[in-house]
Amino acid sequence: MITIKTPEEIEVLRKGGRELARILDLVIKKARPGVSAIELDKYAEELIIQAAGRPAFKNHEGFPGTLCVSPNEAVVHGVPRQEMILKEGDIVGIDIGMQYPAKGGLYTDMARTVGIGKIFKEAQMLIQVTEDSFGEAVKVVQEGARIGDIGEAVQKFVESHGFSVVRSLCGHGVGYKVHEDPRIPNFGKKGSGEVLKAGMVLAIEPMVCAGDYQLEVLEDGWTAVTKDRSLSAHYENTVVVTEKGCEVLTRK
């Protein structure tokens, strides 16, 4: 069921989203060569608790981490481990969610892909195109638009740059729970899908591959990687639909 948040709830989400953006920024600053994923994960959890929040992903459907840390060919849901050491030239998706306040609060969700040290030009372009495709998505978000408008905007932009969009995973509603309706694919046709209404809160998250978009899940049962092991990037924000556009909630 698609939900509409009240102005009071949106204000809580706005506060939580600003805190989450601040926290992710601090985590990203620690993402350097030689740092382990588990170090980032523990740091993120400490920051969330200090901010009077609760990690949204930890123990959600059994996921063990506060962060999803997904390097290189890992698209999403990478499990942070001590032996996952960031290396010069890696690109790493860092996905984070928070319930704010910790008891009875509301959920926001965001992700960034960052380069570790010096990275190849193609990798930098992949990260930039993924971020820019989110910008194309929010241009079409407003009351009366449709889910398919978002997917078409992302897909056209990404494919025009020679990359591909993931088909088997998608964005989603968020707020009362980590994942809510509607599903928000990163491909589609303008004019199709559910109608957007003011007060809907969405996690829009382009997932882009340098090669083919087919994925598989590793033996850990979580990490989704490209079948051809091509690089991938992920960019996500929580937004609220308004009458004339949308507001990005996960920004400082």
Protein backbone atom coordinates (compact mmCIF):
# COMPACT_ATOMS: atom_id res chain seq x y z
CA MET A 1 0.00 0.00 0.00
CA ILE A 2 1.31 3.44 -0.96
CA THR A 3 1.30 5.86 1.97
CA ILE A 4 1.09 9.65 2.23
CA LYS A 5 3.07 11.29 5.02
CA THR A 6 1.70 14.21 7.02
CA PRO A 7 3.48 17.60 7.18
CA GLU A 8 4.56 16.74 10.73
CA GLU A 9 6.00 13.40 9.61
CA ILE A 10 7.79 15.05 6.70
CA GLU A 11 9.45 17.44 9.14
CA VAL A 12 10.72 14.46 11.16
CA LEU A 13 11.99 12.87 7.96
CA ARG A 14 13.64 16.16 7.00
CA LYS A 15 15.53 16.26 10.31
CA GLY A 16 16.49 12.59 10.09
CA GLY A 17 17.54 12.99 6.47
CA ARG A 18 19.86 15.89 7.27
CA GLU A 19 21.45 13.88 10.06
CA LEU A 20 21.86 10.86 7.81
CA ALA A 21 23.53 12.96 5.11
CA ARG A 22 25.92 14.40 7.69
CA ILE A 23 26.76 10.92 8.96
CA LEU A 24 27.37 9.47 5.50
CA ASP A 25 29.64 12.40 4.66
CA LEU A 26 31.77 11.60 7.72
CA VAL A 27 31.88 7.90 6.82
CA ILE A 28 32.97 8.69 3.28
CA LYS A 29 35.84 10.83 4.59
CA LYS A 30 37.16 7.71 6.35
CA ALA A 31 36.95 5.58 3.19
CA ARG A 32 40.65 5.49 2.27
CA PRO A 33 43.11 2.82 1.09
CA GLY A 34 43.84 0.31 3.87
CA VAL A 35 40.60 0.87 5.78
CA SER A 36 38.36 -2.16 6.30
CA ALA A 37 34.63 -2.19 5.61
CA ILE A 38 33.95 -3.23 9.20
CA GLU A 39 35.73 -0.10 10.47
CA LEU A 40 33.39 2.04 8.38
CA ASP A 41 30.42 0.03 9.58
CA LYS A 42 31.24 0.44 13.28
CA TYR A 43 31.91 4.15 12.81
CA ALA A 44 28.56 4.61 11.06
CA GLU A 45 26.72 2.82 13.86
CA GLU A 46 28.40 5.00 16.51
CA LEU A 47 27.44 8.16 14.64
CA ILE A 48 23.82 7.05 14.19
CA ILE A 49 23.45 6.26 17.89
CA GLN A 50 25.07 9.59 18.83
CA ALA A 51 22.48 11.31 16.62
CA ALA A 52 19.64 9.63 18.58
CA GLY A 53 18.87 7.33 15.70
CA ARG A 54 18.89 3.59 15.06
CA PRO A 55 20.61 1.77 12.17
CA ALA A 56 17.84 0.81 9.77
CA PHE A 57 19.64 -2.04 8.01
CA LYS A 58 21.15 -3.87 11.00
CA ASN A 59 19.16 -7.08 11.59
CA HIS A 60 16.64 -6.07 8.90
CA GLU A 61 15.65 -9.42 7.41
CA GLY A 62 18.86 -10.79 8.95
CA PHE A 63 21.33 -8.35 7.40
CA PRO A 64 24.33 -8.09 9.76
CA GLY A 65 25.61 -4.58 9.08
CA THR A 66 24.76 -0.94 9.63
CA LEU A 67 26.12 -0.19 6.14
CA CYS A 68 26.00 -1.98 2.84
CA VAL A 69 29.57 -1.71 1.48
CA SER A 70 29.73 -2.78 -2.16
CA PRO A 71 33.08 -2.52 -3.98
CA ASN A 72 33.66 -2.55 -7.73
CA GLU A 73 31.43 -5.22 -9.34
CA ALA A 74 29.19 -5.38 -6.25
CA VAL A 75 26.08 -3.38 -7.02
CA VAL A 76 24.34 -3.36 -3.64
CA HIS A 77 23.92 -5.23 -0.32
CA GLY A 78 27.63 -5.85 0.23
CA VAL A 79 28.18 -7.26 3.72
CA PRO A 80 30.87 -5.29 5.62
CA ARG A 81 33.66 -7.61 6.77
CA GLN A 82 37.05 -7.18 8.42
CA GLU A 83 38.79 -8.79 5.45
CA MET A 84 37.16 -6.35 2.99
CA ILE A 85 40.04 -3.85 2.77
CA LEU A 86 39.63 -0.80 0.56
CA LYS A 87 42.34 -0.50 -2.08
CA GLU A 88 43.67 2.32 -4.25
CA GLY A 89 41.63 2.38 -7.45
CA ASP A 90 38.51 0.75 -6.00
CA ILE A 91 35.09 2.29 -6.33
CA VAL A 92 32.80 1.54 -3.41
CA GLY A 93 29.06 1.93 -2.94
CA ILE A 94 28.13 2.90 0.62
CA ASP A 95 24.44 2.55 1.46
CA ILE A 96 23.03 3.68 4.81
CA GLY A 97 19.62 3.95 6.44
CA MET A 98 18.42 5.31 9.77
CA GLN A 99 15.30 5.31 11.88
CA TYR A 100 14.99 8.72 13.53
CA PRO A 101 14.32 9.07 16.37
CA ALA A 102 15.42 5.61 17.48
CA LYS A 103 12.10 4.70 19.14
CA GLY A 104 9.01 5.01 16.99
CA GLY A 105 10.75 7.18 14.41
CA LEU A 106 10.70 7.33 10.63
CA TYR A 107 13.16 5.95 8.08
CA THR A 108 15.41 7.63 5.53
CA ASP A 109 17.77 5.88 3.12
CA MET A 110 20.66 7.07 0.95
CA ALA A 111 23.76 5.85 -0.88
CA ARG A 112 26.85 7.16 -2.63
CA THR A 113 29.58 5.53 -4.70
CA VAL A 114 33.05 6.92 -4.12
CA GLY A 115 36.51 6.39 -5.54
CA ILE A 116 39.29 5.18 -3.25
CA GLY A 117 42.40 7.17 -4.03
CA LYS A 118 43.06 7.63 -7.74
CA ILE A 119 40.59 5.81 -10.00
CA PHE A 120 40.38 5.19 -13.75
CA LYS A 121 38.58 7.69 -15.98
CA GLU A 122 35.85 5.17 -16.90
CA ALA A 123 35.15 4.53 -13.23
CA GLN A 124 34.89 8.25 -12.53
CA MET A 125 32.53 8.67 -15.48
CA LEU A 126 30.38 5.77 -14.24
CA ILE A 127 30.06 7.39 -10.81
CA GLN A 128 29.23 10.78 -12.34
CA VAL A 129 26.65 9.42 -14.77
CA THR A 130 24.96 7.52 -11.96
CA GLU A 131 24.72 10.64 -9.82
CA ASP A 132 23.56 12.74 -12.77
CA SER A 133 20.87 10.18 -13.62
CA PHE A 134 19.38 10.80 -10.19
CA GLY A 135 19.26 14.47 -11.15
CA GLU A 136 17.36 13.55 -14.31
CA ALA A 137 14.91 11.50 -12.21
CA VAL A 138 14.03 14.29 -9.80
CA LYS A 139 13.32 16.66 -12.70
CA VAL A 140 10.21 14.62 -13.53
CA VAL A 141 9.01 13.99 -9.96
CA GLN A 142 5.93 16.00 -9.04
CA GLU A 143 2.30 15.44 -8.17
CA GLY A 144 0.52 13.88 -11.15
CA ALA A 145 3.64 12.32 -12.70
CA ARG A 146 3.99 8.55 -12.87
CA ILE A 147 6.53 5.99 -11.72
CA GLY A 148 7.34 5.18 -15.34
CA ASP A 149 8.41 8.78 -15.91
CA ILE A 150 11.21 8.26 -13.36
CA GLY A 151 12.38 5.01 -14.90
CA GLU A 152 12.42 6.39 -18.43
CA ALA A 153 14.39 9.47 -17.36
CA VAL A 154 17.08 7.37 -15.66
CA GLN A 155 17.28 4.75 -18.39
CA LYS A 156 17.55 7.21 -21.28
CA PHE A 157 20.26 9.23 -19.60
CA VAL A 158 22.33 6.22 -18.53
CA GLU A 159 22.09 4.42 -21.87
CA SER A 160 22.96 7.61 -23.76
CA HIS A 161 26.35 7.40 -22.02
CA GLY A 162 26.93 3.77 -22.95
CA PHE A 163 26.10 2.23 -19.57
CA SER A 164 23.22 -0.01 -18.49
CA VAL A 165 20.64 0.17 -15.68
CA VAL A 166 19.96 -2.71 -13.32
CA ARG A 167 16.58 -4.36 -13.98
CA SER A 168 16.25 -6.85 -11.10
CA LEU A 169 16.51 -4.27 -8.25
CA CYS A 170 14.75 -0.96 -7.81
CA GLY A 171 13.98 2.02 -5.62
CA HIS A 172 11.03 2.06 -3.25
CA GLY A 173 8.81 3.98 -0.92
CA VAL A 174 10.23 4.68 2.53
CA GLY A 175 9.25 6.30 5.82
CA TYR A 176 7.17 4.10 8.07
CA LYS A 177 9.35 1.15 7.07
CA VAL A 178 12.70 0.68 5.35
CA HIS A 179 10.96 -0.59 2.22
CA GLU A 180 7.43 0.40 1.25
CA ASP A 181 5.37 0.56 -1.93
CA PRO A 182 5.70 1.63 -4.66
CA ARG A 183 8.56 -0.09 -6.45
CA ILE A 184 10.57 2.41 -8.52
CA PRO A 185 12.46 0.76 -11.40
CA ASN A 186 15.31 2.57 -13.12
CA PHE A 187 13.85 1.73 -16.51
CA GLY A 188 10.39 2.10 -17.96
CA LYS A 189 8.02 4.09 -20.10
CA LYS A 190 6.73 7.57 -19.51
CA GLY A 191 3.07 7.64 -18.53
CA SER A 192 3.06 4.15 -17.03
CA GLY A 193 2.85 3.01 -13.42
CA GLU A 194 1.37 4.53 -10.28
CA VAL A 195 0.52 8.23 -10.13
CA LEU A 196 2.66 10.29 -7.76
CA LYS A 197 0.89 12.29 -5.07
CA ALA A 198 2.13 15.06 -2.81
CA GLY A 199 3.34 13.60 0.48
CA MET A 200 4.66 10.38 -0.99
CA VAL A 201 8.21 9.68 0.24
CA LEU A 202 10.45 7.77 -2.14
CA ALA A 203 13.95 6.33 -2.17
CA ILE A 204 15.12 6.91 -5.74
CA GLU A 205 18.30 4.97 -6.39
CA PRO A 206 19.87 4.54 -9.83
CA MET A 207 22.05 1.40 -10.03
CA VAL A 208 24.25 1.49 -13.11
CA CYS A 209 26.64 -1.02 -14.70
CA ALA A 210 29.59 -0.38 -16.98
CA GLY A 211 28.77 -3.62 -18.79
CA ASP A 212 25.70 -5.86 -18.83
CA TYR A 213 22.96 -5.37 -16.24
CA GLN A 214 22.52 -9.06 -15.35
CA LEU A 215 23.26 -9.75 -11.68
CA GLU A 216 23.90 -12.70 -9.39
CA VAL A 217 24.03 -13.03 -5.61
CA LEU A 218 27.20 -14.29 -3.91
CA GLU A 219 27.35 -17.16 -1.44
CA ASP A 220 26.85 -14.79 1.50
CA GLY A 221 23.24 -14.57 0.36
CA TRP A 222 23.32 -10.79 0.17
CA THR A 223 25.92 -9.26 -2.13
CA ALA A 224 24.53 -8.64 -5.62
CA VAL A 225 27.29 -8.45 -8.25
CA THR A 226 27.37 -8.04 -12.02
CA LYS A 227 27.51 -11.41 -13.77
CA ASP A 228 30.17 -10.13 -16.16
CA ARG A 229 32.06 -8.58 -13.19
CA SER A 230 31.93 -5.13 -14.74
CA LEU A 231 32.05 -2.10 -12.48
CA SER A 232 28.84 -0.73 -11.02
CA ALA A 233 27.74 2.40 -9.16
CA HIS A 234 24.81 3.30 -6.91
CA TYR A 235 23.39 6.69 -5.94
CA GLU A 236 20.35 7.18 -3.71
CA ASN A 237 18.39 9.85 -1.89
CA THR A 238 15.11 9.98 -0.03
CA VAL A 239 12.73 12.55 -1.55
CA VAL A 240 9.23 13.79 -0.81
CA VAL A 241 6.84 14.52 -3.67
CA THR A 242 5.37 18.03 -3.69
CA GLU A 243 2.72 19.70 -5.83
CA LYS A 244 5.28 21.28 -8.12
CA GLY A 245 8.30 18.97 -7.80
CA CYS A 246 10.09 17.23 -4.98
CA GLU A 247 12.39 17.94 -2.06
CA VAL A 248 15.51 15.88 -1.41
CA LEU A 249 15.45 15.04 2.29
CA THR A 250 18.87 13.39 2.59
CA ARG A 251 20.99 16.49 2.19
CA LYS A 252 22.84 18.47 4.84
